[in-house]
Amino acid sequence: PDRQAKRQMIALQQLPELLRRVKELEKRLEAMGEPPAASEPD
């Protein structure tokens, strides 16, 4: 249980960075002419 809790804490800490990376990739796709597949409103 303790190991799982640590993994969850690390994952939560990485969420803002992951969101930033996803948004950056979506911008790159749009620049290439590919609309995001399933974008959700902010």
PDB file of N, CA and C in Angstrom:
ATOM      1  N   PRO A   1       0.821  -1.214   0.000  1.00  0.00           N
ATOM      2  CA  PRO A   1       0.000   0.000   0.000  1.00  0.00           C
ATOM      3  C   PRO A   1       0.857   1.268   0.000  1.00  0.00           C
ATOM      4  N   ASP A   2       1.927   1.270   0.802  1.00  0.00           N
ATOM      5  CA  ASP A   2       2.778   2.456   0.882  1.00  0.00           C
ATOM      6  C   ASP A   2       3.437   2.730  -0.461  1.00  0.00           C
ATOM      7  N   ARG A   3       3.857   1.675  -1.135  1.00  0.00           N
ATOM      8  CA  ARG A   3       4.494   1.830  -2.441  1.00  0.00           C
ATOM      9  C   ARG A   3       3.512   2.422  -3.450  1.00  0.00           C
ATOM     10  N   GLN A   4       2.281   1.944  -3.410  1.00  0.00           N
ATOM     11  CA  GLN A   4       1.263   2.461  -4.330  1.00  0.00           C
ATOM     12  C   GLN A   4       0.969   3.930  -4.041  1.00  0.00           C
ATOM     13  N   ALA A   5       0.922   4.299  -2.780  1.00  0.00           N
ATOM     14  CA  ALA A   5       0.662   5.696  -2.420  1.00  0.00           C
ATOM     15  C   ALA A   5       1.772   6.590  -2.948  1.00  0.00           C
ATOM     16  N   LYS A   6       3.013   6.139  -2.850  1.00  0.00           N
ATOM     17  CA  LYS A   6       4.137   6.922  -3.368  1.00  0.00           C
ATOM     18  C   LYS A   6       4.029   7.088  -4.878  1.00  0.00           C
ATOM     19  N   ARG A   7       3.652   6.012  -5.564  1.00  0.00           N
ATOM     20  CA  ARG A   7       3.505   6.083  -7.023  1.00  0.00           C
ATOM     21  C   ARG A   7       2.407   7.071  -7.405  1.00  0.00           C
ATOM     22  N   GLN A   8       1.318   7.058  -6.653  1.00  0.00           N
ATOM     23  CA  GLN A   8       0.221   7.984  -6.937  1.00  0.00           C
ATOM     24  C   GLN A   8       0.647   9.426  -6.705  1.00  0.00           C
ATOM     25  N   MET A   9       1.410   9.673  -5.662  1.00  0.00           N
ATOM     26  CA  MET A   9       1.876  11.033  -5.387  1.00  0.00           C
ATOM     27  C   MET A   9       2.779  11.526  -6.514  1.00  0.00           C
ATOM     28  N   ILE A  10       3.672  10.661  -6.981  1.00  0.00           N
ATOM     29  CA  ILE A  10       4.573  11.046  -8.069  1.00  0.00           C
ATOM     30  C   ILE A  10       3.770  11.331  -9.333  1.00  0.00           C
ATOM     31  N   ALA A  11       2.788  10.486  -9.622  1.00  0.00           N
ATOM     32  CA  ALA A  11       1.967  10.689 -10.817  1.00  0.00           C
ATOM     33  C   ALA A  11       1.218  12.015 -10.739  1.00  0.00           C
ATOM     34  N   LEU A  12       0.675  12.336  -9.580  1.00  0.00           N
ATOM     35  CA  LEU A  12      -0.045  13.602  -9.423  1.00  0.00           C
ATOM     36  C   LEU A  12       0.880  14.800  -9.610  1.00  0.00           C
ATOM     37  N   GLN A  13       2.108  14.673  -9.158  1.00  0.00           N
ATOM     38  CA  GLN A  13       3.068  15.767  -9.316  1.00  0.00           C
ATOM     39  C   GLN A  13       3.425  15.978 -10.780  1.00  0.00           C
ATOM     40  N   GLN A  14       3.329  14.926 -11.596  1.00  0.00           N
ATOM     41  CA  GLN A  14       3.698  15.021 -13.006  1.00  0.00           C
ATOM     42  C   GLN A  14       2.553  15.516 -13.888  1.00  0.00           C
ATOM     43  N   LEU A  15       1.342  15.564 -13.367  1.00  0.00           N
ATOM     44  CA  LEU A  15       0.194  15.950 -14.189  1.00  0.00           C
ATOM     45  C   LEU A  15       0.335  17.312 -14.866  1.00  0.00           C
ATOM     46  N   PRO A  16       0.731  18.364 -14.169  1.00  0.00           N
ATOM     47  CA  PRO A  16       0.840  19.661 -14.856  1.00  0.00           C
ATOM     48  C   PRO A  16       1.805  19.618 -16.043  1.00  0.00           C
ATOM     49  N   GLU A  17       2.923  18.930 -15.887  1.00  0.00           N
ATOM     50  CA  GLU A  17       3.891  18.817 -16.980  1.00  0.00           C
ATOM     51  C   GLU A  17       3.300  18.016 -18.139  1.00  0.00           C
ATOM     52  N   LEU A  18       2.589  16.943 -17.827  1.00  0.00           N
ATOM     53  CA  LEU A  18       1.976  16.139 -18.883  1.00  0.00           C
ATOM     54  C   LEU A  18       0.930  16.945 -19.647  1.00  0.00           C
ATOM     55  N   LEU A  19       0.128  17.730 -18.937  1.00  0.00           N
ATOM     56  CA  LEU A  19      -0.873  18.565 -19.600  1.00  0.00           C
ATOM     57  C   LEU A  19      -0.207  19.579 -20.524  1.00  0.00           C
ATOM     58  N   ARG A  20       0.889  20.167 -20.058  1.00  0.00           N
ATOM     59  CA  ARG A  20       1.617  21.136 -20.876  1.00  0.00           C
ATOM     60  C   ARG A  20       2.140  20.469 -22.145  1.00  0.00           C
ATOM     61  N   ARG A  21       2.661  19.254 -22.001  1.00  0.00           N
ATOM     62  CA  ARG A  21       3.203  18.544 -23.162  1.00  0.00           C
ATOM     63  C   ARG A  21       2.102  18.185 -24.159  1.00  0.00           C
ATOM     64  N   VAL A  22       0.949  17.760 -23.658  1.00  0.00           N
ATOM     65  CA  VAL A  22      -0.164  17.416 -24.545  1.00  0.00           C
ATOM     66  C   VAL A  22      -0.620  18.644 -25.328  1.00  0.00           C
ATOM     67  N   LYS A  23      -0.751  19.775 -24.640  1.00  0.00           N
ATOM     68  CA  LYS A  23      -1.183  20.995 -25.326  1.00  0.00           C
ATOM     69  C   LYS A  23      -0.168  21.413 -26.382  1.00  0.00           C
ATOM     70  N   GLU A  24       1.113  21.278 -26.077  1.00  0.00           N
ATOM     71  CA  GLU A  24       2.158  21.617 -27.045  1.00  0.00           C
ATOM     72  C   GLU A  24       2.069  20.701 -28.264  1.00  0.00           C
ATOM     73  N   LEU A  25       1.860  19.417 -28.035  1.00  0.00           N
ATOM     74  CA  LEU A  25       1.740  18.476 -29.154  1.00  0.00           C
ATOM     75  C   LEU A  25       0.505  18.778 -29.997  1.00  0.00           C
ATOM     76  N   GLU A  26      -0.602  19.153 -29.352  1.00  0.00           N
ATOM     77  CA  GLU A  26      -1.807  19.516 -30.098  1.00  0.00           C
ATOM     78  C   GLU A  26      -1.543  20.728 -30.982  1.00  0.00           C
ATOM     79  N   LYS A  27      -0.810  21.706 -30.460  1.00  0.00           N
ATOM     80  CA  LYS A  27      -0.478  22.889 -31.260  1.00  0.00           C
ATOM     81  C   LYS A  27       0.362  22.499 -32.470  1.00  0.00           C
ATOM     82  N   ARG A  28       1.304  21.586 -32.264  1.00  0.00           N
ATOM     83  CA  ARG A  28       2.148  21.144 -33.385  1.00  0.00           C
ATOM     84  C   ARG A  28       1.313  20.432 -34.446  1.00  0.00           C
ATOM     85  N   LEU A  29       0.380  19.592 -34.002  1.00  0.00           N
ATOM     86  CA  LEU A  29      -0.479  18.889 -34.954  1.00  0.00           C
ATOM     87  C   LEU A  29      -1.330  19.870 -35.749  1.00  0.00           C
ATOM     88  N   GLU A  30      -1.882  20.860 -35.071  1.00  0.00           N
ATOM     89  CA  GLU A  30      -2.696  21.857 -35.767  1.00  0.00           C
ATOM     90  C   GLU A  30      -1.855  22.609 -36.786  1.00  0.00           C
ATOM     91  N   ALA A  31      -0.613  22.910 -36.440  1.00  0.00           N
ATOM     92  CA  ALA A  31       0.276  23.617 -37.355  1.00  0.00           C
ATOM     93  C   ALA A  31       0.570  22.764 -38.588  1.00  0.00           C
ATOM     94  N   MET A  32       0.531  21.447 -38.423  1.00  0.00           N
ATOM     95  CA  MET A  32       0.771  20.535 -39.538  1.00  0.00           C
ATOM     96  C   MET A  32      -0.512  20.280 -40.333  1.00  0.00           C
ATOM     97  N   GLY A  33      -1.628  20.823 -39.873  1.00  0.00           N
ATOM     98  CA  GLY A  33      -2.887  20.646 -40.573  1.00  0.00           C
ATOM     99  C   GLY A  33      -3.728  19.513 -40.042  1.00  0.00           C
ATOM    100  N   GLU A  34      -3.358  18.965 -38.899  1.00  0.00           N
ATOM    101  CA  GLU A  34      -4.120  17.874 -38.297  1.00  0.00           C
ATOM    102  C   GLU A  34      -4.878  18.407 -37.089  1.00  0.00           C
ATOM    103  N   PRO A  35      -6.202  18.440 -37.146  1.00  0.00           N
ATOM    104  CA  PRO A  35      -6.949  18.894 -35.966  1.00  0.00           C
ATOM    105  C   PRO A  35      -6.848  17.865 -34.844  1.00  0.00           C
ATOM    106  N   PRO A  36      -6.874  18.282 -33.588  1.00  0.00           N
ATOM    107  CA  PRO A  36      -6.843  17.324 -32.479  1.00  0.00           C
ATOM    108  C   PRO A  36      -8.024  16.365 -32.577  1.00  0.00           C
ATOM    109  N   ALA A  37      -7.796  15.107 -32.280  1.00  0.00           N
ATOM    110  CA  ALA A  37      -8.816  14.074 -32.443  1.00  0.00           C
ATOM    111  C   ALA A  37     -10.017  14.308 -31.532  1.00  0.00           C
ATOM    112  N   ALA A  38      -9.770  14.421 -30.245  1.00  0.00           N
ATOM    113  CA  ALA A  38     -10.877  14.565 -29.295  1.00  0.00           C
ATOM    114  C   ALA A  38     -10.511  15.608 -28.257  1.00  0.00           C
ATOM    115  N   SER A  39     -10.547  16.848 -28.655  1.00  0.00           N
ATOM    116  CA  SER A  39     -10.188  17.896 -27.702  1.00  0.00           C
ATOM    117  C   SER A  39     -11.383  18.217 -26.824  1.00  0.00           C
ATOM    118  N   GLU A  40     -11.094  18.455 -25.546  1.00  0.00           N
ATOM    119  CA  GLU A  40     -12.138  18.811 -24.602  1.00  0.00           C
ATOM    120  C   GLU A  40     -12.046  20.297 -24.309  1.00  0.00           C
ATOM    121  N   PRO A  41     -13.165  20.954 -24.098  1.00  0.00           N
ATOM    122  CA  PRO A  41     -13.108  22.384 -23.767  1.00  0.00           C
ATOM    123  C   PRO A  41     -12.422  22.609 -22.438  1.00  0.00           C
ATOM    124  N   ASP A  42     -11.692  23.701 -22.343  1.00  0.00           N
ATOM    125  CA  ASP A  42     -10.969  23.994 -21.100  1.00  0.00           C
ATOM    126  C   ASP A  42     -11.866  24.486 -20.026  1.00  0.00           C
TER     127      ASP A  42
END
